[in-house]
Amino acid sequence: MLLTPGLRAERQREAYDLLAGLPGTEVTSTKEGTSGGEDSLVTLRRAEDGTEALEFSLIPSTGQLVSVRGLVGPGVETTVAAAGIVGCVHVTGVGGPENLSLACADNNYMLDGLQWSGWNSPEATATGQAWINTCDPNCAEGQRKQLPVKVTATRQRSCGYNLDVYTQLKVDYSDEISAAEPLAQDETFDLTCG
């Protein structure tokens, strides 16, 4: 289930929870060198009577599969490469995140309903909606405007766990939207591994 192409992050997390809760599954380790916490790498081990154990290494907070040992043959380790993007709290999405906050402190600038194409390629694009707070008269009392937007993610960089993270995000509005709404201006965001 965890290797299903296009499986969204919430479904990966559900699959992880299911596997971790099955009788006969044991959490055998936390990979050394990780920072601990919810993005630590753990290994689930399952052994059937008389067969070699099947081991899954994954990030439990998202269910992102990193490697499997014993899937294609005894002792053979299969690594799973994926693409992601850094959100406000942690790396999100291996199928492309549905939403992103571009103003992490207060969520006054959000992207929502993102539909991606080309995810895990050098350039991924999405269309969706931007939610921008007018902050008039202040951000607590401002109105949120919903505007159509195009997003482009580029410059992948390895961030560990076989995950290449997009480190540049370009947000583009049509000329008509930009002319009608002063807050809707094209922007480029430089991102890091976290």
N, C-alpha and C. Protein backbone atom coordinates (compact mmCIF):
# COMPACT_ATOMS: atom_id res chain seq x y z
N MET A 1 0.82 -1.20 0.00
CA MET A 1 0.00 0.00 0.00
C MET A 1 0.86 1.26 0.00
N LEU A 2 1.97 1.23 0.77
CA LEU A 2 2.80 2.42 0.88
C LEU A 2 3.53 2.77 -0.41
N LEU A 3 3.63 1.82 -1.34
CA LEU A 3 4.30 2.08 -2.61
C LEU A 3 3.34 2.47 -3.72
N THR A 4 2.06 2.65 -3.42
CA THR A 4 1.08 3.02 -4.43
C THR A 4 1.42 4.40 -4.99
N PRO A 5 1.62 4.53 -6.32
CA PRO A 5 1.94 5.83 -6.90
C PRO A 5 0.84 6.85 -6.62
N GLY A 6 1.23 8.05 -6.26
CA GLY A 6 0.28 9.13 -6.05
C GLY A 6 -0.50 9.05 -4.75
N LEU A 7 -0.12 8.16 -3.84
CA LEU A 7 -0.82 8.04 -2.56
C LEU A 7 -0.56 9.31 -1.76
N ARG A 8 -1.62 10.01 -1.39
CA ARG A 8 -1.48 11.28 -0.69
C ARG A 8 -0.98 11.06 0.74
N ALA A 9 -0.40 12.10 1.31
CA ALA A 9 0.25 12.00 2.62
C ALA A 9 -0.68 11.48 3.70
N GLU A 10 -1.94 11.92 3.71
CA GLU A 10 -2.84 11.46 4.78
C GLU A 10 -3.13 9.96 4.65
N ARG A 11 -3.15 9.45 3.42
CA ARG A 11 -3.37 8.02 3.21
C ARG A 11 -2.11 7.23 3.59
N GLN A 12 -0.93 7.79 3.33
CA GLN A 12 0.31 7.14 3.76
C GLN A 12 0.34 7.04 5.28
N ARG A 13 -0.07 8.10 5.95
CA ARG A 13 -0.09 8.10 7.41
C ARG A 13 -1.06 7.03 7.92
N GLU A 14 -2.23 6.91 7.30
CA GLU A 14 -3.20 5.88 7.69
C GLU A 14 -2.64 4.48 7.48
N ALA A 15 -1.92 4.28 6.36
CA ALA A 15 -1.31 2.97 6.09
C ALA A 15 -0.25 2.66 7.15
N TYR A 16 0.55 3.66 7.51
CA TYR A 16 1.55 3.46 8.57
C TYR A 16 0.87 3.07 9.88
N ASP A 17 -0.18 3.82 10.26
CA ASP A 17 -0.89 3.51 11.50
C ASP A 17 -1.44 2.09 11.48
N LEU A 18 -1.97 1.67 10.34
CA LEU A 18 -2.50 0.31 10.20
C LEU A 18 -1.39 -0.72 10.38
N LEU A 19 -0.27 -0.54 9.67
CA LEU A 19 0.85 -1.48 9.80
C LEU A 19 1.40 -1.53 11.21
N ALA A 20 1.58 -0.36 11.83
CA ALA A 20 2.16 -0.30 13.18
C ALA A 20 1.25 -0.96 14.20
N GLY A 21 -0.05 -0.96 13.96
CA GLY A 21 -1.00 -1.52 14.91
C GLY A 21 -1.33 -2.99 14.72
N LEU A 22 -0.84 -3.60 13.64
CA LEU A 22 -1.14 -5.01 13.39
C LEU A 22 -0.41 -5.91 14.39
N PRO A 23 -1.09 -6.95 14.88
CA PRO A 23 -0.38 -7.91 15.73
C PRO A 23 0.79 -8.50 14.97
N GLY A 24 1.93 -8.65 15.64
CA GLY A 24 3.12 -9.21 15.01
C GLY A 24 4.04 -8.17 14.40
N THR A 25 3.64 -6.90 14.43
CA THR A 25 4.51 -5.83 13.94
C THR A 25 5.24 -5.23 15.13
N GLU A 26 6.55 -5.11 15.00
CA GLU A 26 7.30 -4.48 16.09
C GLU A 26 8.13 -3.33 15.55
N VAL A 27 8.20 -2.27 16.33
CA VAL A 27 9.06 -1.14 16.00
C VAL A 27 10.44 -1.52 16.50
N THR A 28 11.39 -1.72 15.55
CA THR A 28 12.68 -2.26 15.94
C THR A 28 13.75 -1.22 16.17
N SER A 29 13.61 -0.02 15.61
CA SER A 29 14.68 0.96 15.81
C SER A 29 14.24 2.34 15.40
N THR A 30 14.97 3.31 15.91
CA THR A 30 14.94 4.67 15.40
C THR A 30 16.31 4.88 14.79
N LYS A 31 16.35 5.23 13.53
CA LYS A 31 17.62 5.33 12.82
C LYS A 31 18.53 6.36 13.49
N GLU A 32 19.78 5.97 13.73
CA GLU A 32 20.75 6.86 14.35
C GLU A 32 21.01 8.05 13.44
N GLY A 33 21.28 9.18 14.06
CA GLY A 33 21.62 10.38 13.31
C GLY A 33 20.42 11.24 12.98
N THR A 34 19.22 10.83 13.36
CA THR A 34 18.06 11.67 13.14
C THR A 34 17.88 12.58 14.34
N SER A 35 17.09 13.59 14.16
CA SER A 35 16.93 14.60 15.20
C SER A 35 15.96 14.19 16.28
N GLY A 36 15.28 13.08 16.13
CA GLY A 36 14.26 12.68 17.10
C GLY A 36 12.96 13.40 16.79
N GLY A 37 11.98 13.20 17.64
CA GLY A 37 10.70 13.87 17.43
C GLY A 37 9.87 13.18 16.37
N GLU A 38 8.86 13.90 15.90
CA GLU A 38 7.89 13.25 15.02
C GLU A 38 8.43 12.94 13.62
N ASP A 39 9.55 13.52 13.21
CA ASP A 39 10.11 13.22 11.90
C ASP A 39 11.27 12.22 11.97
N SER A 40 11.42 11.51 13.09
CA SER A 40 12.45 10.48 13.19
C SER A 40 12.11 9.33 12.26
N LEU A 41 13.13 8.63 11.84
CA LEU A 41 12.95 7.47 10.98
C LEU A 41 12.82 6.23 11.86
N VAL A 42 11.77 5.44 11.66
CA VAL A 42 11.57 4.21 12.43
C VAL A 42 11.50 3.03 11.46
N THR A 43 11.76 1.86 12.00
CA THR A 43 11.68 0.63 11.21
C THR A 43 10.65 -0.29 11.83
N LEU A 44 9.69 -0.72 11.02
CA LEU A 44 8.69 -1.70 11.43
C LEU A 44 9.13 -3.04 10.88
N ARG A 45 9.05 -4.07 11.71
CA ARG A 45 9.49 -5.40 11.30
C ARG A 45 8.33 -6.37 11.45
N ARG A 46 8.10 -7.15 10.36
CA ARG A 46 7.06 -8.18 10.38
C ARG A 46 7.66 -9.47 9.87
N ALA A 47 7.43 -10.54 10.58
CA ALA A 47 7.93 -11.84 10.15
C ALA A 47 6.79 -12.84 10.19
N GLU A 48 6.61 -13.56 9.11
CA GLU A 48 5.64 -14.65 9.06
C GLU A 48 6.38 -15.93 9.38
N ASP A 49 5.67 -16.94 9.82
CA ASP A 49 6.29 -18.22 10.17
C ASP A 49 7.13 -18.76 9.01
N GLY A 50 8.40 -19.02 9.29
CA GLY A 50 9.28 -19.64 8.31
C GLY A 50 9.75 -18.75 7.18
N THR A 51 9.46 -17.46 7.21
CA THR A 51 9.91 -16.57 6.14
C THR A 51 10.81 -15.48 6.71
N GLU A 52 11.60 -14.91 5.81
CA GLU A 52 12.47 -13.78 6.17
C GLU A 52 11.60 -12.60 6.57
N ALA A 53 12.06 -11.81 7.52
CA ALA A 53 11.31 -10.65 7.99
C ALA A 53 11.23 -9.59 6.89
N LEU A 54 10.13 -8.90 6.87
CA LEU A 54 9.93 -7.76 5.99
C LEU A 54 10.05 -6.52 6.86
N GLU A 55 10.94 -5.59 6.49
CA GLU A 55 11.18 -4.39 7.30
C GLU A 55 10.86 -3.15 6.48
N PHE A 56 10.14 -2.22 7.09
CA PHE A 56 9.78 -0.96 6.47
C PHE A 56 10.41 0.16 7.27
N SER A 57 11.21 1.02 6.64
CA SER A 57 11.72 2.21 7.31
C SER A 57 10.94 3.40 6.76
N LEU A 58 10.39 4.19 7.66
CA LEU A 58 9.54 5.30 7.25
C LEU A 58 9.53 6.40 8.29
N ILE A 59 8.98 7.53 7.89
CA ILE A 59 8.81 8.67 8.78
C ILE A 59 7.40 8.57 9.35
N PRO A 60 7.25 8.30 10.65
CA PRO A 60 5.93 8.03 11.19
C PRO A 60 4.96 9.21 11.15
N SER A 61 5.45 10.44 11.20
CA SER A 61 4.52 11.58 11.21
C SER A 61 3.77 11.72 9.90
N THR A 62 4.37 11.26 8.79
CA THR A 62 3.71 11.37 7.49
C THR A 62 3.42 10.02 6.86
N GLY A 63 4.09 8.96 7.33
CA GLY A 63 3.93 7.65 6.70
C GLY A 63 4.78 7.50 5.46
N GLN A 64 5.65 8.49 5.16
CA GLN A 64 6.48 8.42 3.97
C GLN A 64 7.44 7.25 4.09
N LEU A 65 7.35 6.33 3.14
CA LEU A 65 8.21 5.16 3.08
C LEU A 65 9.58 5.57 2.56
N VAL A 66 10.65 5.15 3.24
CA VAL A 66 12.01 5.48 2.85
C VAL A 66 12.71 4.27 2.26
N SER A 67 12.53 3.09 2.87
CA SER A 67 13.12 1.88 2.32
C SER A 67 12.36 0.66 2.82
N VAL A 68 12.52 -0.44 2.07
CA VAL A 68 11.92 -1.73 2.43
C VAL A 68 13.00 -2.78 2.27
N ARG A 69 13.15 -3.65 3.26
CA ARG A 69 14.10 -4.76 3.18
C ARG A 69 13.30 -6.06 3.12
N GLY A 70 13.62 -6.88 2.12
CA GLY A 70 12.97 -8.18 1.99
C GLY A 70 11.76 -8.18 1.08
N LEU A 71 11.45 -7.08 0.41
CA LEU A 71 10.28 -7.02 -0.47
C LEU A 71 10.50 -7.83 -1.75
N VAL A 72 11.66 -7.65 -2.39
CA VAL A 72 11.91 -8.34 -3.65
C VAL A 72 12.74 -9.61 -3.48
N GLY A 73 13.33 -9.78 -2.31
CA GLY A 73 14.12 -10.98 -2.04
C GLY A 73 14.76 -10.87 -0.68
N PRO A 74 15.18 -11.99 -0.12
CA PRO A 74 15.79 -12.00 1.21
C PRO A 74 17.01 -11.08 1.27
N GLY A 75 17.00 -10.16 2.23
CA GLY A 75 18.12 -9.26 2.45
C GLY A 75 18.27 -8.13 1.45
N VAL A 76 17.41 -8.05 0.44
CA VAL A 76 17.51 -6.99 -0.56
C VAL A 76 16.77 -5.75 -0.05
N GLU A 77 17.49 -4.63 -0.03
CA GLU A 77 16.88 -3.38 0.43
C GLU A 77 16.50 -2.52 -0.77
N THR A 78 15.27 -2.06 -0.79
CA THR A 78 14.76 -1.19 -1.84
C THR A 78 14.57 0.18 -1.23
N THR A 79 15.23 1.20 -1.81
CA THR A 79 15.03 2.56 -1.31
C THR A 79 13.98 3.25 -2.15
N VAL A 80 13.27 4.16 -1.53
CA VAL A 80 12.18 4.86 -2.18
C VAL A 80 12.55 6.33 -2.23
N ALA A 81 12.78 6.85 -3.43
CA ALA A 81 13.08 8.26 -3.61
C ALA A 81 11.77 9.01 -3.77
N ALA A 82 11.71 10.22 -3.23
CA ALA A 82 10.49 11.01 -3.29
C ALA A 82 10.86 12.48 -3.37
N ALA A 83 9.86 13.28 -3.69
CA ALA A 83 10.04 14.73 -3.69
C ALA A 83 9.10 15.32 -2.66
N GLY A 84 9.50 16.40 -2.07
CA GLY A 84 8.68 17.07 -1.08
C GLY A 84 8.91 18.56 -1.13
N ILE A 85 8.28 19.25 -0.22
CA ILE A 85 8.47 20.68 -0.08
C ILE A 85 8.35 21.01 1.39
N VAL A 86 9.11 21.97 1.85
CA VAL A 86 9.10 22.31 3.26
C VAL A 86 7.94 23.27 3.53
N GLY A 87 7.06 22.86 4.44
CA GLY A 87 5.99 23.74 4.89
C GLY A 87 6.44 24.46 6.15
N CYS A 88 5.52 25.04 6.86
CA CYS A 88 5.88 25.80 8.06
C CYS A 88 6.46 24.92 9.15
N VAL A 89 6.02 23.69 9.26
CA VAL A 89 6.41 22.87 10.38
C VAL A 89 7.36 21.76 9.98
N HIS A 90 7.10 21.07 8.88
CA HIS A 90 7.94 19.95 8.47
C HIS A 90 7.77 19.71 6.98
N VAL A 91 8.53 18.81 6.45
CA VAL A 91 8.44 18.46 5.03
C VAL A 91 7.07 17.83 4.77
N THR A 92 6.41 18.30 3.72
CA THR A 92 5.08 17.78 3.41
C THR A 92 5.03 17.22 2.00
N GLY A 93 4.14 16.29 1.85
CA GLY A 93 3.77 15.82 0.53
C GLY A 93 4.81 14.97 -0.15
N VAL A 94 4.45 13.83 -0.64
CA VAL A 94 5.25 13.12 -1.61
C VAL A 94 4.45 13.00 -2.90
N GLY A 95 3.24 13.48 -2.88
CA GLY A 95 2.42 13.56 -4.08
C GLY A 95 2.11 15.01 -4.40
N GLY A 96 2.72 15.91 -3.67
CA GLY A 96 2.46 17.33 -3.81
C GLY A 96 1.46 17.77 -2.77
N PRO A 97 1.78 18.79 -1.98
CA PRO A 97 0.88 19.23 -0.92
C PRO A 97 -0.37 19.91 -1.48
N GLU A 98 -1.48 19.69 -0.82
CA GLU A 98 -2.73 20.34 -1.25
C GLU A 98 -2.79 21.79 -0.79
N ASN A 99 -2.09 22.10 0.31
CA ASN A 99 -2.07 23.49 0.77
C ASN A 99 -0.72 23.81 1.40
N LEU A 100 -0.37 25.09 1.37
CA LEU A 100 0.88 25.59 1.94
C LEU A 100 0.62 26.95 2.55
N SER A 101 1.27 27.22 3.67
CA SER A 101 1.24 28.55 4.25
C SER A 101 2.50 29.27 3.84
N LEU A 102 2.34 30.48 3.31
CA LEU A 102 3.49 31.28 2.92
C LEU A 102 3.79 32.35 3.96
N ALA A 103 2.96 32.42 5.00
CA ALA A 103 3.16 33.34 6.13
C ALA A 103 2.97 32.52 7.39
N CYS A 104 3.99 31.80 7.77
CA CYS A 104 3.88 30.78 8.81
C CYS A 104 3.46 31.33 10.17
N ALA A 105 3.85 32.52 10.50
CA ALA A 105 3.55 33.04 11.83
C ALA A 105 2.05 33.25 12.04
N ASP A 106 1.33 33.64 10.98
CA ASP A 106 -0.08 33.98 11.17
C ASP A 106 -1.02 33.43 10.11
N ASN A 107 -0.49 32.68 9.13
CA ASN A 107 -1.31 32.11 8.04
C ASN A 107 -2.11 33.17 7.28
N ASN A 108 -1.56 34.37 7.14
CA ASN A 108 -2.24 35.42 6.39
C ASN A 108 -2.06 35.29 4.88
N TYR A 109 -1.25 34.33 4.46
CA TYR A 109 -1.04 34.09 3.03
C TYR A 109 -0.96 32.58 2.85
N MET A 110 -2.04 31.98 2.33
CA MET A 110 -2.15 30.53 2.18
C MET A 110 -2.39 30.17 0.72
N LEU A 111 -1.89 29.01 0.33
CA LEU A 111 -2.23 28.41 -0.96
C LEU A 111 -3.05 27.17 -0.65
N ASP A 112 -4.16 26.98 -1.38
CA ASP A 112 -5.08 25.90 -1.06
C ASP A 112 -5.59 25.26 -2.34
N GLY A 113 -6.02 24.01 -2.24
CA GLY A 113 -6.59 23.29 -3.38
C GLY A 113 -5.59 23.08 -4.50
N LEU A 114 -4.31 22.94 -4.16
CA LEU A 114 -3.28 22.81 -5.19
C LEU A 114 -3.39 21.46 -5.90
N GLN A 115 -3.43 21.52 -7.22
CA GLN A 115 -3.46 20.34 -8.08
C GLN A 115 -2.16 20.34 -8.87
N TRP A 116 -1.28 19.36 -8.58
CA TRP A 116 0.07 19.35 -9.12
C TRP A 116 0.18 18.51 -10.39
N SER A 117 1.09 18.93 -11.25
CA SER A 117 1.53 18.09 -12.36
C SER A 117 3.05 18.14 -12.39
N GLY A 118 3.66 17.03 -12.77
CA GLY A 118 5.11 16.96 -12.84
C GLY A 118 5.79 16.85 -11.48
N TRP A 119 5.03 16.45 -10.44
CA TRP A 119 5.65 16.31 -9.11
C TRP A 119 6.75 15.26 -9.18
N ASN A 120 7.86 15.54 -8.55
CA ASN A 120 9.07 14.71 -8.51
C ASN A 120 9.91 14.87 -9.76
N SER A 121 9.57 15.80 -10.65
CA SER A 121 10.41 16.14 -11.79
C SER A 121 11.17 17.43 -11.42
N PRO A 122 12.12 17.86 -12.23
CA PRO A 122 12.87 19.07 -11.87
C PRO A 122 12.00 20.32 -11.70
N GLU A 123 10.86 20.36 -12.38
CA GLU A 123 9.94 21.49 -12.21
C GLU A 123 8.51 20.95 -12.10
N ALA A 124 7.86 21.27 -10.98
CA ALA A 124 6.47 20.86 -10.76
C ALA A 124 5.60 22.10 -10.77
N THR A 125 4.42 22.00 -11.36
CA THR A 125 3.50 23.15 -11.39
C THR A 125 2.16 22.76 -10.80
N ALA A 126 1.48 23.76 -10.28
CA ALA A 126 0.16 23.53 -9.69
C ALA A 126 -0.71 24.74 -9.95
N THR A 127 -2.01 24.49 -9.96
CA THR A 127 -2.99 25.57 -9.94
C THR A 127 -3.80 25.40 -8.66
N GLY A 128 -4.32 26.50 -8.18
CA GLY A 128 -5.10 26.47 -6.96
C GLY A 128 -5.59 27.86 -6.60
N GLN A 129 -5.81 28.05 -5.31
CA GLN A 129 -6.32 29.33 -4.81
C GLN A 129 -5.34 29.90 -3.78
N ALA A 130 -5.13 31.20 -3.86
CA ALA A 130 -4.38 31.89 -2.82
C ALA A 130 -5.40 32.58 -1.92
N TRP A 131 -5.18 32.48 -0.63
CA TRP A 131 -5.99 33.19 0.36
C TRP A 131 -5.08 34.24 0.98
N ILE A 132 -5.39 35.52 0.71
CA ILE A 132 -4.55 36.62 1.18
C ILE A 132 -5.38 37.49 2.12
N ASN A 133 -4.83 37.75 3.30
CA ASN A 133 -5.48 38.64 4.26
C ASN A 133 -5.15 40.08 3.89
N THR A 134 -6.17 40.93 3.78
CA THR A 134 -5.95 42.33 3.44
C THR A 134 -5.27 43.09 4.57
N CYS A 135 -5.39 42.58 5.80
CA CYS A 135 -4.80 43.23 6.99
C CYS A 135 -5.26 44.69 7.11
N ASP A 136 -6.50 44.95 6.72
CA ASP A 136 -7.07 46.29 6.81
C ASP A 136 -8.31 46.24 7.68
N PRO A 137 -8.40 46.89 8.79
CA PRO A 137 -7.46 47.89 9.32
C PRO A 137 -6.23 47.26 9.99
N ASN A 138 -6.33 45.96 10.35
CA ASN A 138 -5.18 45.21 10.86
C ASN A 138 -5.40 43.76 10.47
N CYS A 139 -4.40 42.93 10.68
CA CYS A 139 -4.49 41.53 10.21
C CYS A 139 -5.56 40.73 10.96
N ALA A 140 -5.81 41.07 12.22
CA ALA A 140 -6.84 40.35 12.99
C ALA A 140 -8.23 40.65 12.46
N GLU A 141 -8.45 41.85 11.92
CA GLU A 141 -9.77 42.25 11.44
C GLU A 141 -9.87 42.30 9.92
N GLY A 142 -8.81 41.94 9.24
CA GLY A 142 -8.81 42.02 7.79
C GLY A 142 -9.65 40.94 7.13
N GLN A 143 -9.99 41.16 5.87
CA GLN A 143 -10.73 40.18 5.08
C GLN A 143 -9.76 39.27 4.35
N ARG A 144 -10.18 38.04 4.13
CA ARG A 144 -9.37 37.11 3.33
C ARG A 144 -9.93 37.10 1.92
N LYS A 145 -9.05 37.35 0.96
CA LYS A 145 -9.45 37.32 -0.44
C LYS A 145 -8.95 36.03 -1.06
N GLN A 146 -9.82 35.41 -1.85
CA GLN A 146 -9.49 34.16 -2.54
C GLN A 146 -9.23 34.49 -4.01
N LEU A 147 -8.05 34.10 -4.50
CA LEU A 147 -7.65 34.44 -5.86
C LEU A 147 -7.02 33.23 -6.56
N PRO A 148 -7.30 33.03 -7.85
CA PRO A 148 -6.67 31.92 -8.56
C PRO A 148 -5.17 32.18 -8.72
N VAL A 149 -4.39 31.09 -8.64
CA VAL A 149 -2.93 31.24 -8.67
C VAL A 149 -2.30 30.05 -9.37
N LYS A 150 -1.12 30.28 -9.94
CA LYS A 150 -0.29 29.21 -10.50
C LYS A 150 0.99 29.18 -9.67
N VAL A 151 1.44 27.98 -9.33
CA VAL A 151 2.62 27.80 -8.49
C VAL A 151 3.61 26.91 -9.23
N THR A 152 4.89 27.26 -9.16
CA THR A 152 5.95 26.47 -9.77
C THR A 152 7.01 26.17 -8.71
N ALA A 153 7.32 24.89 -8.53
CA ALA A 153 8.35 24.47 -7.58
C ALA A 153 9.56 23.97 -8.36
N THR A 154 10.75 24.46 -7.99
CA THR A 154 11.98 24.10 -8.70
C THR A 154 13.14 23.94 -7.71
N ARG A 155 14.31 23.70 -8.25
CA ARG A 155 15.59 23.58 -7.52
C ARG A 155 15.53 22.53 -6.42
N GLN A 156 15.41 21.27 -6.83
CA GLN A 156 15.40 20.18 -5.85
C GLN A 156 16.76 20.03 -5.19
N ARG A 157 16.73 19.68 -3.91
CA ARG A 157 17.94 19.47 -3.13
C ARG A 157 17.71 18.31 -2.18
N SER A 158 18.70 17.44 -2.02
CA SER A 158 18.57 16.31 -1.12
C SER A 158 18.55 16.78 0.33
N CYS A 159 17.57 16.29 1.07
CA CYS A 159 17.43 16.66 2.48
C CYS A 159 17.43 15.45 3.39
N GLY A 160 17.96 14.32 2.90
CA GLY A 160 17.99 13.10 3.69
C GLY A 160 16.74 12.27 3.48
N TYR A 161 16.73 11.07 4.05
CA TYR A 161 15.61 10.13 3.94
C TYR A 161 15.23 9.86 2.49
N ASN A 162 16.17 9.96 1.55
CA ASN A 162 15.90 9.77 0.12
C ASN A 162 14.87 10.77 -0.40
N LEU A 163 14.82 11.94 0.22
CA LEU A 163 13.83 12.96 -0.15
C LEU A 163 14.52 14.16 -0.77
N ASP A 164 14.14 14.49 -1.99
CA ASP A 164 14.60 15.72 -2.63
C ASP A 164 13.53 16.78 -2.41
N VAL A 165 13.94 17.89 -1.82
CA VAL A 165 13.00 18.96 -1.49
C VAL A 165 13.14 20.10 -2.50
N TYR A 166 12.01 20.59 -2.97
CA TYR A 166 12.01 21.77 -3.83
C TYR A 166 12.40 22.96 -2.96
N THR A 167 13.39 23.75 -3.42
CA THR A 167 13.87 24.85 -2.60
C THR A 167 13.51 26.22 -3.15
N GLN A 168 12.75 26.25 -4.23
CA GLN A 168 12.25 27.53 -4.73
C GLN A 168 10.80 27.36 -5.16
N LEU A 169 9.97 28.30 -4.72
CA LEU A 169 8.54 28.27 -5.03
C LEU A 169 8.17 29.62 -5.63
N LYS A 170 7.64 29.57 -6.84
CA LYS A 170 7.23 30.80 -7.51
C LYS A 170 5.71 30.84 -7.57
N VAL A 171 5.14 31.94 -7.13
CA VAL A 171 3.69 32.14 -7.10
C VAL A 171 3.36 33.20 -8.15
N ASP A 172 2.52 32.82 -9.13
CA ASP A 172 2.17 33.72 -10.24
C ASP A 172 0.67 33.94 -10.31
N TYR A 173 0.31 35.21 -10.53
CA TYR A 173 -1.08 35.60 -10.75
C TYR A 173 -1.21 36.08 -12.18
N SER A 174 -2.40 35.95 -12.73
CA SER A 174 -2.63 36.45 -14.09
C SER A 174 -2.52 37.98 -14.07
N ASP A 175 -2.27 38.57 -15.23
CA ASP A 175 -2.16 40.03 -15.32
C ASP A 175 -3.44 40.70 -14.87
N GLU A 176 -4.60 40.09 -15.19
CA GLU A 176 -5.89 40.67 -14.81
C GLU A 176 -6.06 40.69 -13.28
N ILE A 177 -5.68 39.59 -12.64
CA ILE A 177 -5.80 39.51 -11.17
C ILE A 177 -4.85 40.51 -10.52
N SER A 178 -3.61 40.58 -10.99
CA SER A 178 -2.63 41.51 -10.43
C SER A 178 -3.06 42.97 -10.60
N ALA A 179 -3.69 43.29 -11.74
CA ALA A 179 -4.15 44.66 -11.97
C ALA A 179 -5.32 45.01 -11.06
N ALA A 180 -6.19 44.04 -10.78
CA ALA A 180 -7.38 44.30 -9.97
C ALA A 180 -7.11 44.24 -8.48
N GLU A 181 -6.09 43.50 -8.07
CA GLU A 181 -5.81 43.31 -6.64
C GLU A 181 -4.34 43.59 -6.36
N PRO A 182 -4.04 44.71 -5.70
CA PRO A 182 -2.64 45.06 -5.43
C PRO A 182 -1.89 44.03 -4.58
N LEU A 183 -2.59 43.25 -3.75
CA LEU A 183 -1.92 42.25 -2.93
C LEU A 183 -1.48 41.03 -3.73
N ALA A 184 -2.05 40.84 -4.91
CA ALA A 184 -1.77 39.66 -5.74
C ALA A 184 -0.63 39.97 -6.70
N GLN A 185 0.58 39.96 -6.19
CA GLN A 185 1.75 40.20 -7.01
C GLN A 185 2.62 38.95 -7.04
N ASP A 186 3.22 38.69 -8.20
CA ASP A 186 4.08 37.52 -8.35
C ASP A 186 5.21 37.58 -7.32
N GLU A 187 5.52 36.43 -6.72
CA GLU A 187 6.58 36.36 -5.73
C GLU A 187 7.34 35.05 -5.89
N THR A 188 8.61 35.07 -5.46
CA THR A 188 9.43 33.88 -5.43
C THR A 188 9.91 33.67 -3.99
N PHE A 189 9.73 32.45 -3.49
CA PHE A 189 10.11 32.10 -2.12
C PHE A 189 11.25 31.11 -2.16
N ASP A 190 12.33 31.40 -1.43
CA ASP A 190 13.43 30.47 -1.30
C ASP A 190 13.20 29.65 -0.04
N LEU A 191 13.25 28.32 -0.18
CA LEU A 191 12.96 27.39 0.91
C LEU A 191 14.22 26.61 1.27
N THR A 192 14.24 26.04 2.45
CA THR A 192 15.38 25.22 2.87
C THR A 192 14.87 23.86 3.30
N CYS A 193 15.77 22.99 3.69
CA CYS A 193 15.39 21.67 4.17
C CYS A 193 14.72 21.73 5.53
N GLY A 194 14.80 22.81 6.22
CA GLY A 194 14.14 22.92 7.51
C GLY A 194 15.08 23.40 8.49
